């Protein structure tokens, strides 16, 4: 699974499918070193996620790797 994630993130970081997509709303961008970058998610397992920012300079930046579903993406129940 880690190898598939590495290949996906390094070969096509902006690929959009069920496993890989840009986050939505306030999570769609993140500030890194004073720059606003696109923030994406790669679903590695049912609950495991890799959040990464795309920098059009030579490399991407992994922001968060989680074995569980990130709480920030859960909708609040009323």
PDB file of N, CA and C in Angstrom:
ATOM      1  N   UNK A   1       0.831  -1.200   0.000  1.00  0.00           N
ATOM      2  CA  UNK A   1       0.000   0.000   0.000  1.00  0.00           C
ATOM      3  C   UNK A   1       0.870   1.258   0.000  1.00  0.00           C
ATOM      4  N   UNK A   2       1.963   1.227   0.752  1.00  0.00           N
ATOM      5  CA  UNK A   2       2.847   2.396   0.808  1.00  0.00           C
ATOM      6  C   UNK A   2       3.513   2.639  -0.538  1.00  0.00           C
ATOM      7  N   UNK A   3       3.880   1.577  -1.228  1.00  0.00           N
ATOM      8  CA  UNK A   3       4.498   1.714  -2.543  1.00  0.00           C
ATOM      9  C   UNK A   3       3.511   2.303  -3.547  1.00  0.00           C
ATOM     10  N   UNK A   4       2.263   1.822  -3.531  1.00  0.00           N
ATOM     11  CA  UNK A   4       1.237   2.370  -4.439  1.00  0.00           C
ATOM     12  C   UNK A   4       1.000   3.849  -4.162  1.00  0.00           C
ATOM     13  N   UNK A   5       0.982   4.223  -2.880  1.00  0.00           N
ATOM     14  CA  UNK A   5       0.788   5.627  -2.517  1.00  0.00           C
ATOM     15  C   UNK A   5       1.960   6.465  -3.024  1.00  0.00           C
ATOM     16  N   UNK A   6       3.175   5.996  -2.831  1.00  0.00           N
ATOM     17  CA  UNK A   6       4.367   6.719  -3.287  1.00  0.00           C
ATOM     18  C   UNK A   6       4.321   6.947  -4.798  1.00  0.00           C
ATOM     19  N   UNK A   7       3.995   5.908  -5.546  1.00  0.00           N
ATOM     20  CA  UNK A   7       3.923   6.026  -7.009  1.00  0.00           C
ATOM     21  C   UNK A   7       2.846   7.028  -7.408  1.00  0.00           C
ATOM     22  N   UNK A   8       1.672   6.949  -6.783  1.00  0.00           N
ATOM     23  CA  UNK A   8       0.574   7.863  -7.116  1.00  0.00           C
ATOM     24  C   UNK A   8       0.934   9.313  -6.815  1.00  0.00           C
ATOM     25  N   UNK A   9       1.517   9.557  -5.658  1.00  0.00           N
ATOM     26  CA  UNK A   9       1.810  10.931  -5.245  1.00  0.00           C
ATOM     27  C   UNK A   9       2.972  11.537  -6.014  1.00  0.00           C
ATOM     28  N   UNK A  10       3.918  10.723  -6.421  1.00  0.00           N
ATOM     29  CA  UNK A  10       5.070  11.273  -7.131  1.00  0.00           C
ATOM     30  C   UNK A  10       4.868  11.325  -8.636  1.00  0.00           C
ATOM     31  N   UNK A  11       3.998  10.484  -9.188  1.00  0.00           N
ATOM     32  CA  UNK A  11       3.809  10.500 -10.639  1.00  0.00           C
ATOM     33  C   UNK A  11       2.672  11.426 -11.068  1.00  0.00           C
ATOM     34  N   UNK A  12       1.575  11.444 -10.323  1.00  0.00           N
ATOM     35  CA  UNK A  12       0.422  12.282 -10.674  1.00  0.00           C
ATOM     36  C   UNK A  12      -0.197  12.881  -9.404  1.00  0.00           C
ATOM     37  N   UNK A  13       0.429  13.882  -8.806  1.00  0.00           N
ATOM     38  CA  UNK A  13      -0.099  14.417  -7.543  1.00  0.00           C
ATOM     39  C   UNK A  13      -1.478  15.066  -7.666  1.00  0.00           C
ATOM     40  N   UNK A  14      -1.890  15.479  -8.869  1.00  0.00           N
ATOM     41  CA  UNK A  14      -3.214  16.101  -9.048  1.00  0.00           C
ATOM     42  C   UNK A  14      -4.242  15.149  -9.659  1.00  0.00           C
ATOM     43  N   UNK A  15      -3.956  13.878  -9.687  1.00  0.00           N
ATOM     44  CA  UNK A  15      -4.919  12.906 -10.214  1.00  0.00           C
ATOM     45  C   UNK A  15      -6.142  12.906  -9.306  1.00  0.00           C
ATOM     46  N   UNK A  16      -7.307  12.881  -9.912  1.00  0.00           N
ATOM     47  CA  UNK A  16      -8.546  12.868  -9.142  1.00  0.00           C
ATOM     48  C   UNK A  16      -9.279  11.565  -9.406  1.00  0.00           C
ATOM     49  N   UNK A  17      -9.519  10.809  -8.353  1.00  0.00           N
ATOM     50  CA  UNK A  17     -10.318   9.585  -8.424  1.00  0.00           C
ATOM     51  C   UNK A  17     -10.875   9.312  -7.033  1.00  0.00           C
ATOM     52  N   UNK A  18     -11.427   8.125  -6.802  1.00  0.00           N
ATOM     53  CA  UNK A  18     -12.034   7.827  -5.496  1.00  0.00           C
ATOM     54  C   UNK A  18     -11.010   7.836  -4.372  1.00  0.00           C
ATOM     55  N   UNK A  19      -9.767   7.531  -4.677  1.00  0.00           N
ATOM     56  CA  UNK A  19      -8.729   7.420  -3.658  1.00  0.00           C
ATOM     57  C   UNK A  19      -7.965   8.728  -3.464  1.00  0.00           C
ATOM     58  N   UNK A  20      -7.902   9.562  -4.475  1.00  0.00           N
ATOM     59  CA  UNK A  20      -7.040  10.747  -4.456  1.00  0.00           C
ATOM     60  C   UNK A  20      -7.824  11.958  -4.944  1.00  0.00           C
ATOM     61  N   UNK A  21      -7.850  13.020  -4.134  1.00  0.00           N
ATOM     62  CA  UNK A  21      -8.580  14.232  -4.529  1.00  0.00           C
ATOM     63  C   UNK A  21      -8.157  15.412  -3.658  1.00  0.00           C
ATOM     64  N   UNK A  22      -8.467  16.615  -4.155  1.00  0.00           N
ATOM     65  CA  UNK A  22      -8.198  17.813  -3.369  1.00  0.00           C
ATOM     66  C   UNK A  22      -9.243  17.906  -2.269  1.00  0.00           C
ATOM     67  N   UNK A  23      -8.815  18.320  -1.090  1.00  0.00           N
ATOM     68  CA  UNK A  23      -9.751  18.515   0.010  1.00  0.00           C
ATOM     69  C   UNK A  23     -10.670  19.687  -0.319  1.00  0.00           C
ATOM     70  N   UNK A  24     -11.774  19.796   0.393  1.00  0.00           N
ATOM     71  CA  UNK A  24     -12.787  20.803   0.089  1.00  0.00           C
ATOM     72  C   UNK A  24     -12.868  21.872   1.169  1.00  0.00           C
ATOM     73  N   UNK A  25     -13.509  22.965   0.814  1.00  0.00           N
ATOM     74  CA  UNK A  25     -13.768  24.041   1.764  1.00  0.00           C
ATOM     75  C   UNK A  25     -12.492  24.648   2.316  1.00  0.00           C
ATOM     76  N   UNK A  26     -12.486  24.894   3.625  1.00  0.00           N
ATOM     77  CA  UNK A  26     -11.326  25.542   4.245  1.00  0.00           C
ATOM     78  C   UNK A  26     -10.093  24.645   4.249  1.00  0.00           C
ATOM     79  N   UNK A  27     -10.263  23.359   3.998  1.00  0.00           N
ATOM     80  CA  UNK A  27      -9.131  22.430   3.958  1.00  0.00           C
ATOM     81  C   UNK A  27      -8.505  22.329   2.566  1.00  0.00           C
ATOM     82  N   UNK A  28      -9.081  22.991   1.575  1.00  0.00           N
ATOM     83  CA  UNK A  28      -8.594  22.890   0.195  1.00  0.00           C
ATOM     84  C   UNK A  28      -7.218  23.513  -0.005  1.00  0.00           C
ATOM     85  N   UNK A  29      -6.850  24.423   0.875  1.00  0.00           N
ATOM     86  CA  UNK A  29      -5.514  25.021   0.812  1.00  0.00           C
ATOM     87  C   UNK A  29      -4.916  25.025   2.208  1.00  0.00           C
ATOM     88  N   UNK A  30      -3.603  25.118   2.257  1.00  0.00           N
ATOM     89  CA  UNK A  30      -2.894  25.199   3.535  1.00  0.00           C
ATOM     90  C   UNK A  30      -1.741  26.166   3.377  1.00  0.00           C
ATOM     91  N   UNK A  31      -1.420  26.838   4.447  1.00  0.00           N
ATOM     92  CA  UNK A  31      -0.301  27.771   4.437  1.00  0.00           C
ATOM     93  C   UNK A  31       0.967  27.026   4.846  1.00  0.00           C
ATOM     94  N   UNK A  32       1.952  27.057   3.965  1.00  0.00           N
ATOM     95  CA  UNK A  32       3.239  26.409   4.216  1.00  0.00           C
ATOM     96  C   UNK A  32       4.319  27.444   3.943  1.00  0.00           C
ATOM     97  N   UNK A  33       5.083  27.774   4.964  1.00  0.00           N
ATOM     98  CA  UNK A  33       6.164  28.758   4.836  1.00  0.00           C
ATOM     99  C   UNK A  33       5.656  30.061   4.206  1.00  0.00           C
ATOM    100  N   UNK A  34       4.450  30.483   4.616  1.00  0.00           N
ATOM    101  CA  UNK A  34       3.892  31.736   4.133  1.00  0.00           C
ATOM    102  C   UNK A  34       3.270  31.680   2.749  1.00  0.00           C
ATOM    103  N   UNK A  35       3.210  30.520   2.159  1.00  0.00           N
ATOM    104  CA  UNK A  35       2.598  30.360   0.824  1.00  0.00           C
ATOM    105  C   UNK A  35       1.337  29.514   0.952  1.00  0.00           C
ATOM    106  N   UNK A  36       0.292  29.861   0.203  1.00  0.00           N
ATOM    107  CA  UNK A  36      -0.942  29.077   0.191  1.00  0.00           C
ATOM    108  C   UNK A  36      -0.840  28.047  -0.921  1.00  0.00           C
ATOM    109  N   UNK A  37      -0.905  26.781  -0.525  1.00  0.00           N
ATOM    110  CA  UNK A  37      -0.765  25.674  -1.475  1.00  0.00           C
ATOM    111  C   UNK A  37      -2.019  24.814  -1.469  1.00  0.00           C
ATOM    112  N   UNK A  38      -2.290  24.155  -2.606  1.00  0.00           N
ATOM    113  CA  UNK A  38      -3.389  23.203  -2.689  1.00  0.00           C
ATOM    114  C   UNK A  38      -3.114  22.070  -1.701  1.00  0.00           C
ATOM    115  N   UNK A  39      -4.165  21.648  -0.985  1.00  0.00           N
ATOM    116  CA  UNK A  39      -4.022  20.525  -0.062  1.00  0.00           C
ATOM    117  C   UNK A  39      -4.868  19.355  -0.564  1.00  0.00           C
ATOM    118  N   UNK A  40      -4.239  18.223  -0.720  1.00  0.00           N
ATOM    119  CA  UNK A  40      -4.873  17.038  -1.278  1.00  0.00           C
ATOM    120  C   UNK A  40      -4.857  15.903  -0.278  1.00  0.00           C
ATOM    121  N   UNK A  41      -5.666  14.885  -0.574  1.00  0.00           N
ATOM    122  CA  UNK A  41      -5.734  13.698   0.271  1.00  0.00           C
ATOM    123  C   UNK A  41      -5.588  12.456  -0.589  1.00  0.00           C
ATOM    124  N   UNK A  42      -4.824  11.501  -0.083  1.00  0.00           N
ATOM    125  CA  UNK A  42      -4.722  10.180  -0.697  1.00  0.00           C
ATOM    126  C   UNK A  42      -5.208   9.184   0.343  1.00  0.00           C
ATOM    127  N   UNK A  43      -6.234   8.402  -0.008  1.00  0.00           N
ATOM    128  CA  UNK A  43      -6.782   7.403   0.898  1.00  0.00           C
ATOM    129  C   UNK A  43      -5.976   6.121   0.732  1.00  0.00           C
ATOM    130  N   UNK A  44      -5.131   5.843   1.701  1.00  0.00           N
ATOM    131  CA  UNK A  44      -4.256   4.677   1.593  1.00  0.00           C
ATOM    132  C   UNK A  44      -4.978   3.398   1.976  1.00  0.00           C
ATOM    133  N   UNK A  45      -5.775   3.443   3.026  1.00  0.00           N
ATOM    134  CA  UNK A  45      -6.574   2.299   3.474  1.00  0.00           C
ATOM    135  C   UNK A  45      -7.973   2.821   3.754  1.00  0.00           C
ATOM    136  N   UNK A  46      -8.826   1.966   4.288  1.00  0.00           N
ATOM    137  CA  UNK A  46     -10.184   2.396   4.599  1.00  0.00           C
ATOM    138  C   UNK A  46     -10.231   3.635   5.466  1.00  0.00           C
ATOM    139  N   UNK A  47      -9.319   3.738   6.434  1.00  0.00           N
ATOM    140  CA  UNK A  47      -9.293   4.902   7.318  1.00  0.00           C
ATOM    141  C   UNK A  47      -7.989   5.687   7.212  1.00  0.00           C
ATOM    142  N   UNK A  48      -6.933   5.081   6.712  1.00  0.00           N
ATOM    143  CA  UNK A  48      -5.632   5.752   6.631  1.00  0.00           C
ATOM    144  C   UNK A  48      -5.592   6.790   5.530  1.00  0.00           C
ATOM    145  N   UNK A  49      -5.053   7.960   5.840  1.00  0.00           N
ATOM    146  CA  UNK A  49      -5.004   9.060   4.877  1.00  0.00           C
ATOM    147  C   UNK A  49      -3.618   9.685   4.850  1.00  0.00           C
ATOM    148  N   UNK A  50      -3.253  10.194   3.691  1.00  0.00           N
ATOM    149  CA  UNK A  50      -2.066  11.028   3.549  1.00  0.00           C
ATOM    150  C   UNK A  50      -2.556  12.371   3.039  1.00  0.00           C
ATOM    151  N   UNK A  51      -2.308  13.411   3.787  1.00  0.00           N
ATOM    152  CA  UNK A  51      -2.604  14.764   3.337  1.00  0.00           C
ATOM    153  C   UNK A  51      -1.311  15.360   2.833  1.00  0.00           C
ATOM    154  N   UNK A  52      -1.373  15.986   1.683  1.00  0.00           N
ATOM    155  CA  UNK A  52      -0.162  16.579   1.118  1.00  0.00           C
ATOM    156  C   UNK A  52      -0.501  17.860   0.384  1.00  0.00           C
ATOM    157  N   UNK A  53       0.488  18.736   0.309  1.00  0.00           N
ATOM    158  CA  UNK A  53       0.341  19.993  -0.411  1.00  0.00           C
ATOM    159  C   UNK A  53       1.152  19.916  -1.688  1.00  0.00           C
ATOM    160  N   UNK A  54       0.611  20.498  -2.730  1.00  0.00           N
ATOM    161  CA  UNK A  54       1.312  20.490  -4.003  1.00  0.00           C
ATOM    162  C   UNK A  54       2.020  21.821  -4.172  1.00  0.00           C
ATOM    163  N   UNK A  55       3.314  21.710  -4.329  1.00  0.00           N
ATOM    164  CA  UNK A  55       4.171  22.858  -4.593  1.00  0.00           C
ATOM    165  C   UNK A  55       4.715  22.647  -5.997  1.00  0.00           C
ATOM    166  N   UNK A  56       4.434  23.548  -6.898  1.00  0.00           N
ATOM    167  CA  UNK A  56       4.872  23.358  -8.286  1.00  0.00           C
ATOM    168  C   UNK A  56       6.379  23.506  -8.457  1.00  0.00           C
ATOM    169  N   UNK A  57       7.047  23.756  -7.366  1.00  0.00           N
ATOM    170  CA  UNK A  57       8.502  23.672  -7.403  1.00  0.00           C
ATOM    171  C   UNK A  57       8.861  22.181  -7.405  1.00  0.00           C
ATOM    172  N   UNK A  58      10.114  21.813  -7.302  1.00  0.00           N
ATOM    173  CA  UNK A  58      10.508  20.425  -7.548  1.00  0.00           C
ATOM    174  C   UNK A  58       9.839  19.307  -6.744  1.00  0.00           C
ATOM    175  N   UNK A  59       9.204  19.578  -5.617  1.00  0.00           N
ATOM    176  CA  UNK A  59       8.668  18.461  -4.836  1.00  0.00           C
ATOM    177  C   UNK A  59       7.410  18.847  -4.075  1.00  0.00           C
ATOM    178  N   UNK A  60       6.684  17.814  -3.631  1.00  0.00           N
ATOM    179  CA  UNK A  60       5.477  17.986  -2.839  1.00  0.00           C
ATOM    180  C   UNK A  60       5.835  17.899  -1.365  1.00  0.00           C
ATOM    181  N   UNK A  61       4.887  18.228  -0.525  1.00  0.00           N
ATOM    182  CA  UNK A  61       5.128  18.214   0.911  1.00  0.00           C
ATOM    183  C   UNK A  61       4.022  17.416   1.594  1.00  0.00           C
ATOM    184  N   UNK A  62       4.389  16.356   2.290  1.00  0.00           N
ATOM    185  CA  UNK A  62       3.409  15.597   3.072  1.00  0.00           C
ATOM    186  C   UNK A  62       3.090  16.410   4.317  1.00  0.00           C
ATOM    187  N   UNK A  63       1.823  16.656   4.572  1.00  0.00           N
ATOM    188  CA  UNK A  63       1.421  17.450   5.735  1.00  0.00           C
ATOM    189  C   UNK A  63       1.016  16.554   6.890  1.00  0.00           C
ATOM    190  N   UNK A  64       0.337  15.452   6.589  1.00  0.00           N
ATOM    191  CA  UNK A  64      -0.181  14.614   7.659  1.00  0.00           C
ATOM    192  C   UNK A  64      -0.372  13.212   7.114  1.00  0.00           C
ATOM    193  N   UNK A  65       0.086  12.239   7.843  1.00  0.00           N
ATOM    194  CA  UNK A  65      -0.168  10.840   7.516  1.00  0.00           C
ATOM    195  C   UNK A  65      -0.890  10.258   8.715  1.00  0.00           C
ATOM    196  N   UNK A  66      -2.042   9.659   8.481  1.00  0.00           N
ATOM    197  CA  UNK A  66      -2.887   9.222   9.580  1.00  0.00           C
ATOM    198  C   UNK A  66      -3.331   7.779   9.381  1.00  0.00           C
ATOM    199  N   UNK A  67      -3.271   6.991  10.437  1.00  0.00           N
ATOM    200  CA  UNK A  67      -3.770   5.620  10.375  1.00  0.00           C
ATOM    201  C   UNK A  67      -5.281   5.579  10.524  1.00  0.00           C
ATOM    202  N   UNK A  68      -5.847   6.636  11.070  1.00  0.00           N
ATOM    203  CA  UNK A  68      -7.290   6.745  11.223  1.00  0.00           C
ATOM    204  C   UNK A  68      -7.822   7.891  10.389  1.00  0.00           C
ATOM    205  N   UNK A  69      -9.121   7.948  10.241  1.00  0.00           N
ATOM    206  CA  UNK A  69      -9.757   9.001   9.450  1.00  0.00           C
ATOM    207  C   UNK A  69      -9.542  10.342  10.134  1.00  0.00           C
ATOM    208  N   UNK A  70      -9.012  11.372   9.423  1.00  0.00           N
ATOM    209  CA  UNK A  70      -8.803  12.686  10.050  1.00  0.00           C
ATOM    210  C   UNK A  70     -10.115  13.298  10.520  1.00  0.00           C
ATOM    211  N   UNK A  71     -10.154  13.736  11.766  1.00  0.00           N
ATOM    212  CA  UNK A  71     -11.377  14.299  12.350  1.00  0.00           C
ATOM    213  C   UNK A  71     -11.805  15.591  11.657  1.00  0.00           C
ATOM    214  N   UNK A  72     -10.849  16.321  11.052  1.00  0.00           N
ATOM    215  CA  UNK A  72     -11.180  17.602  10.423  1.00  0.00           C
ATOM    216  C   UNK A  72     -12.155  17.443   9.260  1.00  0.00           C
ATOM    217  N   UNK A  73     -12.224  16.261   8.652  1.00  0.00           N
ATOM    218  CA  UNK A  73     -13.086  16.075   7.487  1.00  0.00           C
ATOM    219  C   UNK A  73     -14.464  15.553   7.845  1.00  0.00           C
ATOM    220  N   UNK A  74     -14.678  15.229   9.105  1.00  0.00           N
ATOM    221  CA  UNK A  74     -15.966  14.698   9.511  1.00  0.00           C
ATOM    222  C   UNK A  74     -16.980  15.818   9.640  1.00  0.00           C
ATOM    223  N   UNK A  75     -18.198  15.543   9.189  1.00  0.00           N
ATOM    224  CA  UNK A  75     -19.272  16.527   9.325  1.00  0.00           C
ATOM    225  C   UNK A  75     -19.835  16.420  10.736  1.00  0.00           C
ATOM    226  N   UNK A  76     -20.101  17.578  11.314  1.00  0.00           N
ATOM    227  CA  UNK A  76     -20.644  17.596  12.677  1.00  0.00           C
ATOM    228  C   UNK A  76     -22.122  17.287  12.644  1.00  0.00           C
ATOM    229  N   UNK A  77     -22.539  16.427  13.549  1.00  0.00           N
ATOM    230  CA  UNK A  77     -23.961  16.087  13.680  1.00  0.00           C
ATOM    231  C   UNK A  77     -24.613  17.068  14.651  1.00  0.00           C
ATOM    232  N   UNK A  78     -25.819  17.425  14.347  1.00  0.00           N
ATOM    233  CA  UNK A  78     -26.540  18.363  15.219  1.00  0.00           C
ATOM    234  C   UNK A  78     -27.590  17.648  15.997  1.00  0.00           C
TER     235      UNK A  78
END
